[in-house]
Amino acid sequence: EVQVAESGGGSVQAGGSLRLSCTISGGTVDEVDMGWYRQVPGKPCVLVSTISSDGRAYYVDTVKGRFTISQDNAKKMVHLQMNLLKPEDTAVYYCAAADSLHSPQGDRHGSTCLNWNSYVRNLEVWGQGTMVTVSS
């Protein structure tokens, strides 16, 4: 059974950097797509970034040029390097793994990440989430 677990959240001032890490067990990062969702309070769930099993990366427009996703096959980890952080990046970040990750944008089930997680629970494996707080 594939499981994922996040680490690396925390608090930082605007303009700073954080690196989130996700460790996969029961599988390898080169077998599945992995990525990060985030939940900003009161806002819909967003698929922030993904990396495919063959290393292709996706970023939502709001983080392009600031966030970088990478995979470490040997360590079974995926990292999300977040630079030039803004207060609006404050959110709970969830790592996910699946054959293919799905964006909740425009889907009524994507009003929150909890709802989206429940909706895709048979397709995607999620971690418990890690908090990122960016102060101005």
C-alpha atoms as a PDB file:
ATOM      1  CA  GLU A   1       0.000   0.000   0.000  1.00  0.00           C
ATOM      2  CA  VAL A   2       1.403   3.365  -1.052  1.00  0.00           C
ATOM      3  CA  GLN A   3       1.645   5.998   1.665  1.00  0.00           C
ATOM      4  CA  VAL A   4       3.110   9.500   1.657  1.00  0.00           C
ATOM      5  CA  ALA A   5       4.227  11.760   4.463  1.00  0.00           C
ATOM      6  CA  GLU A   6       5.141  15.444   4.377  1.00  0.00           C
ATOM      7  CA  SER A   7       7.815  17.319   6.272  1.00  0.00           C
ATOM      8  CA  GLY A   8       9.372  20.752   6.213  1.00  0.00           C
ATOM      9  CA  GLY A   9       6.555  23.173   6.893  1.00  0.00           C
ATOM     10  CA  GLY A  10       7.017  26.133   9.181  1.00  0.00           C
ATOM     11  CA  SER A  11       6.964  29.896   9.454  1.00  0.00           C
ATOM     12  CA  VAL A  12       8.944  32.378   7.423  1.00  0.00           C
ATOM     13  CA  GLN A  13       8.846  36.048   6.582  1.00  0.00           C
ATOM     14  CA  ALA A  14       7.777  37.262   3.169  1.00  0.00           C
ATOM     15  CA  GLY A  15      10.579  36.906   0.660  1.00  0.00           C
ATOM     16  CA  GLY A  16      11.996  33.900   2.459  1.00  0.00           C
ATOM     17  CA  SER A  17      12.281  30.264   1.469  1.00  0.00           C
ATOM     18  CA  LEU A  18      11.094  26.887   2.696  1.00  0.00           C
ATOM     19  CA  ARG A  19      11.502  23.396   1.342  1.00  0.00           C
ATOM     20  CA  LEU A  20       8.759  20.838   1.705  1.00  0.00           C
ATOM     21  CA  SER A  21       9.585  17.170   1.402  1.00  0.00           C
ATOM     22  CA  CYS A  22       7.392  14.167   0.783  1.00  0.00           C
ATOM     23  CA  THR A  23       8.483  10.612   1.414  1.00  0.00           C
ATOM     24  CA  ILE A  24       6.724   7.751  -0.330  1.00  0.00           C
ATOM     25  CA  SER A  25       6.522   4.223   1.054  1.00  0.00           C
ATOM     26  CA  GLY A  26       5.104   1.155  -0.618  1.00  0.00           C
ATOM     27  CA  GLY A  27       6.162   2.544  -3.989  1.00  0.00           C
ATOM     28  CA  THR A  28       8.756   4.672  -5.739  1.00  0.00           C
ATOM     29  CA  VAL A  29       8.629   8.198  -7.126  1.00  0.00           C
ATOM     30  CA  ASP A  30       9.447   6.992 -10.626  1.00  0.00           C
ATOM     31  CA  GLU A  31       6.335   4.826 -10.696  1.00  0.00           C
ATOM     32  CA  VAL A  32       3.702   7.461  -9.920  1.00  0.00           C
ATOM     33  CA  ASP A  33       2.921  11.125 -10.360  1.00  0.00           C
ATOM     34  CA  MET A  34       3.444  13.128  -7.186  1.00  0.00           C
ATOM     35  CA  GLY A  35       2.505  16.627  -6.267  1.00  0.00           C
ATOM     36  CA  TRP A  36       1.294  19.185  -3.801  1.00  0.00           C
ATOM     37  CA  TYR A  37      -2.131  20.614  -3.108  1.00  0.00           C
ATOM     38  CA  ARG A  38      -2.703  23.541  -0.807  1.00  0.00           C
ATOM     39  CA  GLN A  39      -5.599  24.832   1.233  1.00  0.00           C
ATOM     40  CA  VAL A  40      -5.804  28.519   1.975  1.00  0.00           C
ATOM     41  CA  PRO A  41      -8.533  29.191   4.558  1.00  0.00           C
ATOM     42  CA  GLY A  42     -11.751  30.165   2.824  1.00  0.00           C
ATOM     43  CA  LYS A  43     -10.401  29.456  -0.646  1.00  0.00           C
ATOM     44  CA  PRO A  44     -10.803  26.432  -2.945  1.00  0.00           C
ATOM     45  CA  CYS A  45      -8.258  23.653  -2.977  1.00  0.00           C
ATOM     46  CA  VAL A  46      -5.435  24.218  -5.461  1.00  0.00           C
ATOM     47  CA  LEU A  47      -3.105  21.761  -7.161  1.00  0.00           C
ATOM     48  CA  VAL A  48       0.121  23.739  -6.777  1.00  0.00           C
ATOM     49  CA  SER A  49       2.691  21.564  -8.496  1.00  0.00           C
ATOM     50  CA  THR A  50       3.184  18.061  -9.809  1.00  0.00           C
ATOM     51  CA  ILE A  51       6.017  15.960 -11.125  1.00  0.00           C
ATOM     52  CA  SER A  52       5.332  12.995 -13.345  1.00  0.00           C
ATOM     53  CA  SER A  53       6.989   9.616 -13.032  1.00  0.00           C
ATOM     54  CA  ASP A  54       9.332  10.623 -15.877  1.00  0.00           C
ATOM     55  CA  GLY A  55      10.174  13.993 -14.337  1.00  0.00           C
ATOM     56  CA  ARG A  56       7.861  16.449 -16.130  1.00  0.00           C
ATOM     57  CA  ALA A  57       6.836  19.320 -13.881  1.00  0.00           C
ATOM     58  CA  TYR A  58       3.646  21.370 -13.646  1.00  0.00           C
ATOM     59  CA  TYR A  59       3.091  24.577 -11.692  1.00  0.00           C
ATOM     60  CA  VAL A  60      -0.006  26.633 -11.111  1.00  0.00           C
ATOM     61  CA  ASP A  61       0.480  30.149 -12.501  1.00  0.00           C
ATOM     62  CA  THR A  62       0.642  31.801  -9.084  1.00  0.00           C
ATOM     63  CA  VAL A  63       3.848  29.952  -8.136  1.00  0.00           C
ATOM     64  CA  LYS A  64       5.659  29.790 -11.475  1.00  0.00           C
ATOM     65  CA  GLY A  65       9.185  31.131 -11.186  1.00  0.00           C
ATOM     66  CA  ARG A  66       9.154  30.849  -7.395  1.00  0.00           C
ATOM     67  CA  PHE A  67       8.549  27.163  -6.639  1.00  0.00           C
ATOM     68  CA  THR A  68      10.548  24.209  -7.944  1.00  0.00           C
ATOM     69  CA  ILE A  69       9.528  20.580  -7.636  1.00  0.00           C
ATOM     70  CA  SER A  70      12.086  17.794  -7.830  1.00  0.00           C
ATOM     71  CA  GLN A  71      12.305  14.092  -7.192  1.00  0.00           C
ATOM     72  CA  ASP A  72      14.970  11.960  -5.537  1.00  0.00           C
ATOM     73  CA  ASN A  73      14.434   8.412  -6.724  1.00  0.00           C
ATOM     74  CA  ALA A  74      17.070   6.925  -4.428  1.00  0.00           C
ATOM     75  CA  LYS A  75      15.536   8.467  -1.326  1.00  0.00           C
ATOM     76  CA  LYS A  76      11.957   7.986  -2.508  1.00  0.00           C
ATOM     77  CA  MET A  77      11.302  11.665  -1.922  1.00  0.00           C
ATOM     78  CA  VAL A  78       9.832  14.618  -3.723  1.00  0.00           C
ATOM     79  CA  HIS A  79      10.744  18.145  -2.731  1.00  0.00           C
ATOM     80  CA  LEU A  80       9.011  21.468  -3.242  1.00  0.00           C
ATOM     81  CA  GLN A  81      11.467  24.331  -2.971  1.00  0.00           C
ATOM     82  CA  MET A  82       9.520  27.507  -2.288  1.00  0.00           C
ATOM     83  CA  ASN A  83      11.335  30.806  -2.780  1.00  0.00           C
ATOM     84  CA  LEU A  84      10.179  34.420  -2.655  1.00  0.00           C
ATOM     85  CA  LEU A  85       7.321  33.365  -0.434  1.00  0.00           C
ATOM     86  CA  LYS A  86       4.334  35.667  -0.100  1.00  0.00           C
ATOM     87  CA  PRO A  87       1.713  35.920   2.652  1.00  0.00           C
ATOM     88  CA  GLU A  88      -0.811  34.496   0.196  1.00  0.00           C
ATOM     89  CA  ASP A  89       1.231  31.285   0.099  1.00  0.00           C
ATOM     90  CA  THR A  90       0.146  30.658   3.690  1.00  0.00           C
ATOM     91  CA  ALA A  91      -1.720  27.365   3.588  1.00  0.00           C
ATOM     92  CA  VAL A  92      -1.774  23.736   4.557  1.00  0.00           C
ATOM     93  CA  TYR A  93       0.189  21.845   1.923  1.00  0.00           C
ATOM     94  CA  TYR A  94      -0.700  18.239   1.147  1.00  0.00           C
ATOM     95  CA  CYS A  95       1.524  15.798  -0.674  1.00  0.00           C
ATOM     96  CA  ALA A  96      -0.256  13.378  -2.988  1.00  0.00           C
ATOM     97  CA  ALA A  97       0.638  10.420  -5.176  1.00  0.00           C
ATOM     98  CA  ALA A  98      -1.350   8.791  -7.963  1.00  0.00           C
ATOM     99  CA  ASP A  99      -1.140   7.353 -11.435  1.00  0.00           C
ATOM    100  CA  SER A 100      -2.320  10.794 -12.476  1.00  0.00           C
ATOM    101  CA  LEU A 101      -3.115  13.762 -10.221  1.00  0.00           C
ATOM    102  CA  HIS A 102      -6.248  15.775 -10.942  1.00  0.00           C
ATOM    103  CA  SER A 103      -6.730  19.501 -10.531  1.00  0.00           C
ATOM    104  CA  PRO A 104      -9.808  20.447  -8.495  1.00  0.00           C
ATOM    105  CA  GLN A 105     -10.119  23.763 -10.329  1.00  0.00           C
ATOM    106  CA  GLY A 106     -13.672  24.307 -11.490  1.00  0.00           C
ATOM    107  CA  ASP A 107     -14.951  21.140  -9.851  1.00  0.00           C
ATOM    108  CA  ARG A 108     -17.652  21.550  -7.212  1.00  0.00           C
ATOM    109  CA  HIS A 109     -15.891  18.965  -5.074  1.00  0.00           C
ATOM    110  CA  GLY A 110     -12.830  21.165  -4.890  1.00  0.00           C
ATOM    111  CA  SER A 111     -14.264  23.746  -2.501  1.00  0.00           C
ATOM    112  CA  THR A 112     -11.880  22.459   0.127  1.00  0.00           C
ATOM    113  CA  CYS A 113      -8.983  20.055   0.050  1.00  0.00           C
ATOM    114  CA  LEU A 114     -10.789  17.813   2.520  1.00  0.00           C
ATOM    115  CA  ASN A 115     -13.692  17.536   0.088  1.00  0.00           C
ATOM    116  CA  TRP A 116     -11.354  16.939  -2.842  1.00  0.00           C
ATOM    117  CA  ASN A 117      -9.399  14.320  -0.930  1.00  0.00           C
ATOM    118  CA  SER A 118     -12.631  12.499  -0.182  1.00  0.00           C
ATOM    119  CA  TYR A 119     -13.721  12.742  -3.827  1.00  0.00           C
ATOM    120  CA  VAL A 120     -10.481  11.310  -5.235  1.00  0.00           C
ATOM    121  CA  ARG A 121      -9.684   8.954  -2.361  1.00  0.00           C
ATOM    122  CA  ASN A 122      -9.885   5.888  -4.604  1.00  0.00           C
ATOM    123  CA  LEU A 123      -7.463   7.425  -7.095  1.00  0.00           C
ATOM    124  CA  GLU A 124      -4.950   9.384  -5.020  1.00  0.00           C
ATOM    125  CA  VAL A 125      -3.007   8.899  -1.790  1.00  0.00           C
ATOM    126  CA  TRP A 126      -2.574  11.975   0.389  1.00  0.00           C
ATOM    127  CA  GLY A 127      -0.485  12.848   3.404  1.00  0.00           C
ATOM    128  CA  GLN A 128      -1.742  14.543   6.552  1.00  0.00           C
ATOM    129  CA  GLY A 129      -0.621  17.988   5.469  1.00  0.00           C
ATOM    130  CA  THR A 130       1.952  20.452   6.700  1.00  0.00           C
ATOM    131  CA  MET A 131       1.395  24.092   7.594  1.00  0.00           C
ATOM    132  CA  VAL A 132       3.275  26.900   5.886  1.00  0.00           C
ATOM    133  CA  THR A 133       2.914  30.376   7.344  1.00  0.00           C
ATOM    134  CA  VAL A 134       4.345  33.424   5.607  1.00  0.00           C
ATOM    135  CA  SER A 135       4.245  36.672   7.550  1.00  0.00           C
ATOM    136  CA  SER A 136       4.410  40.114   6.009  1.00  0.00           C
END
